[in-house]
N, C-alpha and C. Protein backbone atom coordinates (compact mmCIF):
# COMPACT_ATOMS: atom_id res chain seq x y z
N MET A 1 82.02 53.23 137.72
CA MET A 1 81.16 53.10 136.46
C MET A 1 82.09 53.33 135.31
N PRO A 2 82.19 52.41 134.34
CA PRO A 2 83.01 52.65 133.12
C PRO A 2 82.40 53.78 132.27
N LYS A 3 83.30 54.43 131.50
CA LYS A 3 82.80 55.45 130.59
C LYS A 3 82.29 54.81 129.37
N LYS A 4 81.19 55.25 128.79
CA LYS A 4 80.62 54.82 127.54
C LYS A 4 81.37 55.37 126.40
N LEU A 5 81.75 54.67 125.50
CA LEU A 5 82.40 55.20 124.24
C LEU A 5 81.40 55.42 123.24
N LYS A 6 81.56 56.37 122.38
CA LYS A 6 80.68 56.64 121.27
C LYS A 6 81.05 55.75 120.16
N SER A 7 80.14 55.08 119.47
CA SER A 7 80.48 54.28 118.30
C SER A 7 80.50 55.20 117.14
N GLN A 8 81.42 54.83 116.17
CA GLN A 8 81.43 55.48 114.93
C GLN A 8 80.64 54.89 113.92
N ARG A 9 79.86 55.63 113.13
CA ARG A 9 79.07 55.09 112.17
C ARG A 9 79.85 54.74 110.88
N ARG A 10 79.39 53.74 110.39
CA ARG A 10 80.20 53.39 109.06
C ARG A 10 79.10 52.74 108.07
N LYS A 11 79.47 52.77 106.78
CA LYS A 11 78.59 52.21 105.73
C LYS A 11 78.53 50.69 105.93
N LYS A 12 77.40 50.11 105.41
CA LYS A 12 77.27 48.71 105.56
C LYS A 12 78.32 48.02 104.73
N GLY A 13 78.85 47.05 105.24
CA GLY A 13 79.79 46.18 104.55
C GLY A 13 81.21 46.70 104.57
N LYS A 14 81.49 47.80 105.24
CA LYS A 14 82.84 48.45 105.30
C LYS A 14 83.34 48.60 106.79
N SER A 15 84.46 48.47 106.94
CA SER A 15 85.01 48.57 108.32
C SER A 15 85.74 49.96 108.28
N LEU A 16 86.09 50.48 109.29
CA LEU A 16 86.68 51.77 109.45
C LEU A 16 88.15 51.73 108.74
N GLY A 17 88.46 52.75 107.93
CA GLY A 17 89.72 52.86 107.35
C GLY A 17 89.73 52.26 105.93
N ASP A 18 88.65 51.47 105.57
CA ASP A 18 88.59 51.02 104.24
C ASP A 18 88.31 52.07 103.07
N SER A 19 88.79 51.98 102.07
CA SER A 19 88.52 52.98 101.02
C SER A 19 88.58 52.21 99.66
N GLU A 20 87.92 52.70 98.65
CA GLU A 20 87.82 52.11 97.36
C GLU A 20 89.10 52.20 96.57
N HIS A 21 89.73 53.36 96.64
CA HIS A 21 90.83 53.67 95.75
C HIS A 21 92.13 53.60 96.26
N ASP A 22 92.34 54.16 97.44
CA ASP A 22 93.68 54.11 98.05
C ASP A 22 93.59 54.11 99.53
N ASP A 23 94.72 54.19 100.26
CA ASP A 23 94.66 54.14 101.63
C ASP A 23 94.84 55.53 102.33
N THR A 24 94.53 56.63 101.54
CA THR A 24 94.83 58.00 102.08
C THR A 24 93.56 58.46 102.82
N GLY A 25 92.46 57.77 102.73
CA GLY A 25 91.16 58.25 103.47
C GLY A 25 90.29 59.04 102.59
N PHE A 26 90.77 59.39 101.34
CA PHE A 26 89.98 60.07 100.33
C PHE A 26 89.38 59.20 99.33
N GLY A 27 88.65 58.24 99.71
CA GLY A 27 88.24 57.22 98.82
C GLY A 27 87.25 57.77 97.71
N ASP A 28 86.51 58.80 97.96
CA ASP A 28 85.65 59.33 97.00
C ASP A 28 86.26 60.15 95.84
N VAL A 29 87.56 60.56 96.07
CA VAL A 29 88.19 61.47 95.16
C VAL A 29 88.90 60.59 94.09
N ASP A 30 88.47 60.90 92.87
CA ASP A 30 89.05 59.96 91.74
C ASP A 30 90.26 60.72 91.18
N GLU A 31 90.24 61.99 90.82
CA GLU A 31 91.34 62.63 90.25
C GLU A 31 91.52 63.98 90.95
N VAL A 32 92.74 64.55 90.82
CA VAL A 32 93.04 65.82 91.40
C VAL A 32 93.42 66.69 90.17
N GLU A 33 92.63 67.82 90.01
CA GLU A 33 92.84 68.73 88.90
C GLU A 33 93.97 69.58 89.35
N ILE A 34 95.06 69.71 88.56
CA ILE A 34 96.15 70.59 88.71
C ILE A 34 95.95 71.83 87.89
N LEU A 35 96.03 72.85 88.56
CA LEU A 35 95.81 74.26 87.91
C LEU A 35 97.12 74.63 87.09
N SER A 36 96.94 75.28 86.07
CA SER A 36 98.10 75.78 85.29
C SER A 36 98.76 76.99 86.10
N GLU A 37 99.96 77.37 85.64
CA GLU A 37 100.53 78.50 86.46
C GLU A 37 99.89 79.81 85.97
N ASP A 38 99.22 79.89 84.87
CA ASP A 38 98.52 81.03 84.43
C ASP A 38 97.36 81.33 85.29
N HIS A 39 96.83 80.29 85.95
CA HIS A 39 95.49 80.54 86.74
C HIS A 39 95.93 81.03 88.23
N THR A 40 95.46 82.35 88.37
CA THR A 40 95.77 82.95 89.66
C THR A 40 94.51 83.72 90.12
N VAL A 41 94.33 83.98 91.35
CA VAL A 41 93.22 84.79 91.79
C VAL A 41 93.36 86.19 91.36
N ALA A 42 94.60 86.70 91.51
CA ALA A 42 94.81 88.10 91.12
C ALA A 42 95.82 88.13 89.95
N ASP A 43 95.14 88.42 88.77
CA ASP A 43 95.98 88.40 87.52
C ASP A 43 96.59 89.81 87.38
N ASP A 44 97.37 89.92 86.29
CA ASP A 44 98.04 91.32 86.09
C ASP A 44 97.04 92.35 85.92
N ALA A 45 96.02 92.12 85.17
CA ALA A 45 94.90 93.23 85.00
C ALA A 45 94.36 93.75 86.29
N SER A 46 94.02 92.78 87.09
CA SER A 46 93.50 93.25 88.41
C SER A 46 94.47 93.86 89.29
N PHE A 47 95.68 93.47 89.26
CA PHE A 47 96.87 94.10 90.07
C PHE A 47 96.95 95.46 89.55
N ASN A 48 97.01 95.65 88.28
CA ASN A 48 97.29 96.95 87.63
C ASN A 48 96.21 97.92 87.99
N SER A 49 94.90 97.52 87.98
CA SER A 49 93.83 98.36 88.33
C SER A 49 93.89 98.66 89.75
N PHE A 50 94.25 97.80 90.67
CA PHE A 50 94.38 98.09 91.97
C PHE A 50 95.47 99.03 92.34
N TYR A 51 96.58 98.88 91.70
CA TYR A 51 97.71 99.74 91.86
C TYR A 51 97.49 101.17 91.27
N ASP A 52 96.69 101.21 90.15
CA ASP A 52 96.31 102.55 89.70
C ASP A 52 95.35 103.34 90.56
N ASP A 53 94.41 102.55 91.26
CA ASP A 53 93.43 103.13 92.08
C ASP A 53 94.18 103.82 93.23
N PHE A 54 95.20 103.35 93.73
CA PHE A 54 95.82 103.83 94.91
C PHE A 54 97.08 104.71 94.49
N GLY A 55 97.01 105.31 93.38
CA GLY A 55 98.10 106.28 93.00
C GLY A 55 99.36 105.73 92.45
N GLY A 56 99.42 104.53 92.15
CA GLY A 56 100.70 104.00 91.62
C GLY A 56 100.73 104.10 90.14
N ASP A 57 101.91 103.87 89.57
CA ASP A 57 102.12 103.87 88.16
C ASP A 57 102.59 102.43 87.82
N ALA A 58 101.76 101.61 87.37
CA ALA A 58 102.07 100.19 87.13
C ALA A 58 103.17 99.98 86.08
N GLU A 59 103.39 100.83 85.18
CA GLU A 59 104.28 100.59 84.09
C GLU A 59 105.65 101.03 84.52
N ASN A 60 105.77 101.92 85.48
CA ASN A 60 107.00 102.37 85.95
C ASN A 60 107.24 101.91 87.38
N GLY A 61 106.73 100.87 87.77
CA GLY A 61 106.66 100.42 89.24
C GLY A 61 108.15 100.27 89.74
N ALA A 62 109.00 99.54 88.96
CA ALA A 62 110.42 99.39 89.39
C ALA A 62 111.13 100.62 89.40
N ALA A 63 110.96 101.42 88.41
CA ALA A 63 111.61 102.73 88.43
C ALA A 63 111.24 103.65 89.51
N ALA A 64 109.98 103.56 89.90
CA ALA A 64 109.49 104.48 90.99
C ALA A 64 110.02 104.11 92.33
N GLU A 65 110.36 102.83 92.48
CA GLU A 65 111.05 102.49 93.77
C GLU A 65 112.44 103.08 94.01
N ASP A 66 113.15 103.12 92.91
CA ASP A 66 114.56 103.64 92.95
C ASP A 66 114.67 105.06 92.93
N GLY A 67 113.66 105.77 92.19
CA GLY A 67 113.83 107.22 91.98
C GLY A 67 113.37 108.07 93.12
N ALA A 68 114.09 109.03 93.56
CA ALA A 68 113.65 109.92 94.58
C ALA A 68 112.60 110.96 94.31
N PRO A 69 112.51 111.36 92.91
CA PRO A 69 111.44 112.25 92.52
C PRO A 69 110.03 111.75 92.87
N ASP A 70 109.84 110.45 92.70
CA ASP A 70 108.58 109.92 92.92
C ASP A 70 108.24 109.87 94.38
N THR A 71 109.27 109.60 95.24
CA THR A 71 109.08 109.61 96.67
C THR A 71 108.76 111.02 97.10
N GLN A 72 109.38 112.11 96.52
CA GLN A 72 109.24 113.45 96.90
C GLN A 72 107.90 113.93 96.46
N SER A 73 107.46 113.54 95.34
CA SER A 73 106.15 113.80 94.84
C SER A 73 104.97 113.29 95.71
N ARG A 74 105.30 112.05 96.11
CA ARG A 74 104.26 111.50 97.19
C ARG A 74 104.26 112.26 98.39
N ALA A 75 105.37 112.67 98.86
CA ALA A 75 105.40 113.41 100.12
C ALA A 75 104.65 114.81 100.02
N GLU A 76 104.90 115.43 98.81
CA GLU A 76 104.24 116.65 98.49
C GLU A 76 102.72 116.49 98.42
N ILE A 77 102.25 115.30 97.83
CA ILE A 77 100.81 115.10 97.70
C ILE A 77 100.29 114.89 99.03
N SER A 78 101.04 114.11 99.83
CA SER A 78 100.51 113.86 101.23
C SER A 78 100.47 115.15 102.02
N ALA A 79 101.45 116.08 101.87
CA ALA A 79 101.46 117.28 102.59
C ALA A 79 100.26 118.17 102.07
N ALA A 80 100.04 118.18 100.80
CA ALA A 80 98.92 118.93 100.33
C ALA A 80 97.57 118.41 100.80
N ASN A 81 97.37 117.06 100.94
CA ASN A 81 96.17 116.48 101.35
C ASN A 81 95.95 116.80 102.86
N ARG A 82 97.06 116.78 103.60
CA ARG A 82 96.87 117.20 105.00
C ARG A 82 96.60 118.64 105.22
N HIS A 83 97.20 119.50 104.38
CA HIS A 83 96.80 120.97 104.40
C HIS A 83 95.35 121.14 103.96
N ASN A 84 94.91 120.37 103.01
CA ASN A 84 93.51 120.55 102.59
C ASN A 84 92.47 120.08 103.60
N SER A 85 92.88 118.93 104.38
CA SER A 85 92.03 118.55 105.39
C SER A 85 91.89 119.49 106.59
N LEU A 86 93.03 120.22 106.79
CA LEU A 86 93.10 121.21 107.85
C LEU A 86 92.12 122.40 107.34
N LEU A 87 92.35 122.81 106.17
CA LEU A 87 91.52 123.95 105.69
C LEU A 87 89.98 123.58 105.72
N GLU A 88 89.76 122.39 105.38
CA GLU A 88 88.35 121.96 105.37
C GLU A 88 87.74 121.93 106.81
N ALA A 89 88.53 121.54 107.74
CA ALA A 89 88.12 121.51 109.13
C ALA A 89 88.00 122.93 109.68
N LEU A 90 88.85 123.82 109.25
CA LEU A 90 88.81 125.28 109.75
C LEU A 90 87.62 125.96 109.11
N SER A 91 87.17 125.52 107.91
CA SER A 91 85.96 126.08 107.29
C SER A 91 84.68 125.62 108.04
N LEU A 92 84.82 124.45 108.42
CA LEU A 92 83.70 123.87 109.15
C LEU A 92 83.56 124.46 110.59
N ALA A 93 84.62 124.93 111.04
CA ALA A 93 84.70 125.54 112.47
C ALA A 93 83.80 126.88 112.37
N SER A 94 83.78 127.55 111.23
CA SER A 94 82.90 128.78 111.27
C SER A 94 81.48 128.39 111.25
N THR A 95 81.01 127.21 110.93
CA THR A 95 79.63 126.88 110.95
C THR A 95 79.18 126.44 112.37
N ILE A 96 80.09 126.10 113.37
CA ILE A 96 79.77 125.50 114.58
C ILE A 96 78.87 126.35 115.45
N PRO A 97 79.13 127.72 115.52
CA PRO A 97 78.22 128.66 116.29
C PRO A 97 76.76 128.64 115.83
N SER A 98 76.53 128.41 114.51
CA SER A 98 75.12 128.53 114.02
C SER A 98 74.55 127.11 114.03
N GLU A 99 75.21 126.02 114.35
CA GLU A 99 74.70 124.73 114.40
C GLU A 99 73.74 124.62 115.56
N LYS A 100 72.54 124.02 115.40
CA LYS A 100 71.63 123.94 116.42
C LYS A 100 71.83 122.61 117.31
N ARG A 101 72.16 121.56 116.67
CA ARG A 101 72.32 120.36 117.42
C ARG A 101 73.63 120.18 118.14
N SER A 102 73.55 119.79 119.35
CA SER A 102 74.78 119.63 120.16
C SER A 102 75.72 118.50 119.65
N VAL A 103 75.08 117.48 119.13
CA VAL A 103 75.87 116.27 118.66
C VAL A 103 76.60 116.66 117.57
N LYS A 104 76.05 117.51 116.63
CA LYS A 104 76.83 118.13 115.27
C LYS A 104 78.01 118.94 115.78
N ARG A 105 77.68 119.87 116.65
CA ARG A 105 78.80 120.71 117.23
C ARG A 105 79.88 119.88 117.85
N GLU A 106 79.60 118.81 118.57
CA GLU A 106 80.63 118.06 119.15
C GLU A 106 81.39 117.26 118.11
N GLN A 107 80.79 116.75 117.05
CA GLN A 107 81.41 116.08 116.00
C GLN A 107 82.42 117.05 115.25
N TYR A 108 81.90 118.25 114.94
CA TYR A 108 82.78 119.26 114.22
C TYR A 108 84.00 119.71 115.20
N LEU A 109 83.73 119.78 116.46
CA LEU A 109 84.80 120.14 117.38
C LEU A 109 85.92 119.05 117.40
N LYS A 110 85.47 117.80 117.43
CA LYS A 110 86.34 116.65 117.42
C LYS A 110 87.16 116.59 116.13
N ARG A 111 86.46 116.91 115.10
CA ARG A 111 87.16 116.87 113.80
C ARG A 111 88.16 118.02 113.65
N LEU A 112 87.79 119.19 114.25
CA LEU A 112 88.76 120.31 114.24
C LEU A 112 89.95 119.97 115.16
N PHE A 113 89.70 119.37 116.33
CA PHE A 113 90.80 118.96 117.21
C PHE A 113 91.76 118.01 116.41
N LYS A 114 91.27 117.07 115.73
CA LYS A 114 92.04 116.08 114.95
C LYS A 114 92.92 116.83 113.94
N ALA A 115 92.22 117.69 113.17
CA ALA A 115 92.94 118.41 112.09
C ALA A 115 93.99 119.25 112.62
N ILE A 116 93.77 120.01 113.76
CA ILE A 116 94.82 120.86 114.23
C ILE A 116 95.99 120.00 114.89
N SER A 117 95.62 118.99 115.64
CA SER A 117 96.76 118.26 116.19
C SER A 117 97.40 117.34 115.26
N GLN A 118 96.93 117.05 114.18
CA GLN A 118 97.69 116.11 113.27
C GLN A 118 98.10 116.75 111.93
N PHE A 119 97.35 117.74 111.49
CA PHE A 119 97.76 118.38 110.22
C PHE A 119 98.32 119.74 110.30
N ALA A 120 98.48 120.34 111.41
CA ALA A 120 98.99 121.71 111.43
C ALA A 120 100.48 121.61 112.02
N ALA A 121 101.17 120.65 111.64
CA ALA A 121 102.57 120.55 112.13
C ALA A 121 103.51 121.48 111.56
N GLY A 122 103.40 121.70 110.19
CA GLY A 122 104.39 122.58 109.48
C GLY A 122 104.07 124.05 109.58
N PRO A 123 104.87 124.96 109.13
CA PRO A 123 104.71 126.40 109.03
C PRO A 123 103.42 126.73 108.27
N PRO A 124 103.07 126.06 107.13
CA PRO A 124 101.77 126.46 106.45
C PRO A 124 100.66 126.13 107.34
N GLY A 125 100.66 125.01 108.02
CA GLY A 125 99.51 124.63 108.85
C GLY A 125 99.39 125.50 110.04
N GLN A 126 100.55 125.86 110.60
CA GLN A 126 100.46 126.81 111.70
C GLN A 126 99.86 128.24 111.38
N GLU A 127 100.41 128.72 110.17
CA GLU A 127 99.88 129.96 109.73
C GLU A 127 98.27 129.91 109.36
N ALA A 128 97.83 128.80 108.89
CA ALA A 128 96.52 128.68 108.52
C ALA A 128 95.56 128.68 109.88
N VAL A 129 96.10 127.99 110.86
CA VAL A 129 95.37 127.92 112.21
C VAL A 129 95.45 129.30 112.83
N LEU A 130 96.62 129.98 112.77
CA LEU A 130 96.60 131.27 113.41
C LEU A 130 95.87 132.36 112.67
N SER A 131 95.68 132.19 111.43
CA SER A 131 94.88 133.21 110.73
C SER A 131 93.41 133.05 110.96
N ARG A 132 92.98 131.88 111.43
CA ARG A 132 91.55 131.55 111.70
C ARG A 132 91.18 131.51 113.22
N VAL A 133 92.11 131.87 114.04
CA VAL A 133 91.81 131.82 115.39
C VAL A 133 90.70 132.66 115.93
N ASP A 134 90.80 133.98 115.59
CA ASP A 134 89.67 135.00 115.94
C ASP A 134 88.42 134.84 115.36
N ASP A 135 88.45 134.50 113.97
CA ASP A 135 87.15 134.40 113.29
C ASP A 135 86.45 133.08 113.19
N ALA A 136 87.17 132.02 113.50
CA ALA A 136 86.61 130.68 113.51
C ALA A 136 86.74 129.83 114.68
N ILE A 137 87.89 129.69 115.20
CA ILE A 137 88.27 128.70 116.25
C ILE A 137 87.60 129.25 117.54
N LEU A 138 87.86 130.41 117.99
CA LEU A 138 87.44 130.95 119.23
C LEU A 138 85.87 131.00 119.28
N PRO A 139 85.08 131.47 118.22
CA PRO A 139 83.71 131.38 118.37
C PRO A 139 83.14 130.04 118.33
N ALA A 140 83.79 129.10 117.70
CA ALA A 140 83.31 127.72 117.77
C ALA A 140 83.57 127.12 119.08
N CYS A 141 84.66 127.47 119.80
CA CYS A 141 84.78 126.93 121.11
C CYS A 141 83.90 127.69 122.20
N LYS A 142 83.69 128.91 121.91
CA LYS A 142 82.67 129.60 122.81
C LYS A 142 81.26 128.99 122.68
N ALA A 143 80.95 128.58 121.52
CA ALA A 143 79.68 127.97 121.25
C ALA A 143 79.60 126.70 121.99
N GLY A 144 80.73 125.95 121.91
CA GLY A 144 80.72 124.63 122.67
C GLY A 144 80.77 124.61 124.12
N LEU A 145 81.25 125.73 124.66
CA LEU A 145 81.27 125.96 126.20
C LEU A 145 80.21 126.58 126.82
N ARG A 146 79.17 127.02 126.04
CA ARG A 146 77.95 127.51 126.57
C ARG A 146 77.28 126.68 127.63
N ALA A 147 77.05 127.32 128.70
CA ALA A 147 76.49 126.42 129.87
C ALA A 147 75.11 125.90 129.61
N GLY A 148 74.22 126.64 129.07
CA GLY A 148 72.86 126.14 128.90
C GLY A 148 72.60 125.05 127.96
N SER A 149 73.25 125.17 126.66
CA SER A 149 72.83 124.24 125.67
C SER A 149 73.85 123.25 125.43
N ALA A 150 75.09 123.33 125.94
CA ALA A 150 76.20 122.37 125.69
C ALA A 150 76.27 121.20 126.56
N LYS A 151 76.46 120.06 126.01
CA LYS A 151 76.62 118.75 126.83
C LYS A 151 78.04 118.71 127.33
N PRO A 152 78.29 117.91 128.29
CA PRO A 152 79.68 117.86 128.89
C PRO A 152 80.62 117.32 127.75
N ALA A 153 80.30 116.50 126.99
CA ALA A 153 81.18 115.95 125.84
C ALA A 153 81.51 117.02 124.92
N GLU A 154 80.56 117.94 124.62
CA GLU A 154 80.76 119.02 123.84
C GLU A 154 81.78 119.99 124.43
N GLN A 155 81.51 120.31 125.69
CA GLN A 155 82.40 121.22 126.35
C GLN A 155 83.82 120.65 126.50
N TYR A 156 83.92 119.41 126.69
CA TYR A 156 85.25 118.79 126.70
C TYR A 156 85.90 118.89 125.32
N ALA A 157 85.28 118.63 124.29
CA ALA A 157 85.80 118.72 122.90
C ALA A 157 86.23 120.27 122.61
N ALA A 158 85.45 121.19 123.10
CA ALA A 158 85.85 122.53 122.94
C ALA A 158 87.10 122.97 123.73
N CYS A 159 87.20 122.35 124.88
CA CYS A 159 88.42 122.68 125.73
C CYS A 159 89.68 121.97 125.00
N ARG A 160 89.48 120.84 124.48
CA ARG A 160 90.59 120.20 123.80
C ARG A 160 91.05 121.02 122.55
N VAL A 161 90.11 121.56 121.88
CA VAL A 161 90.46 122.42 120.73
C VAL A 161 91.25 123.62 121.18
N LEU A 162 90.84 124.31 122.21
CA LEU A 162 91.52 125.48 122.78
C LEU A 162 92.97 125.11 123.25
N GLU A 163 93.07 123.78 123.87
CA GLU A 163 94.39 123.32 124.27
C GLU A 163 95.28 123.18 123.16
N VAL A 164 94.82 122.41 122.08
CA VAL A 164 95.75 122.26 120.95
C VAL A 164 96.13 123.49 120.19
N THR A 165 95.03 124.42 120.21
CA THR A 165 95.39 125.74 119.56
C THR A 165 96.46 126.46 120.27
N SER A 166 96.33 126.38 121.62
CA SER A 166 97.34 127.20 122.32
C SER A 166 98.79 126.61 122.17
N VAL A 167 98.81 125.38 121.88
CA VAL A 167 100.22 124.79 121.63
C VAL A 167 100.72 125.20 120.26
N ILE A 168 99.82 125.42 119.27
CA ILE A 168 100.21 125.91 117.95
C ILE A 168 100.64 127.24 118.04
């Protein structure tokens, strides 16, 4: 049995491939508007505001790439942000034993694990962790390991915090 071919619809009085203006197939297009070079999606003002939002200096952009002080200041800012994140997680650790919800305790323990494993790499981070072991980290892990009220995921998170703390 031969295959049936679908027929193509066409306007009355025209055959396929006919066009009014040219033979490009775009018969309905009369003109093409050419945009000027000044017309862009991201102009200078929007680029500068984007660059400023993410800590850049738009006026000294070329100088910042060549100069080492800018790179060093970015590294110092990054280290300060990491240390602040670590201190924030350590302060949350002191609230874990008093938290009633197991899900919240698990979230705090996961956050503490991430902070210790990623942000406590240098001597200031190690000192911060070691200074808070007895008063924040161990009570938080003990609360996470309680047999009666802790879920397995919370117990696992507490074990992970103890593991990474022992490495530090």
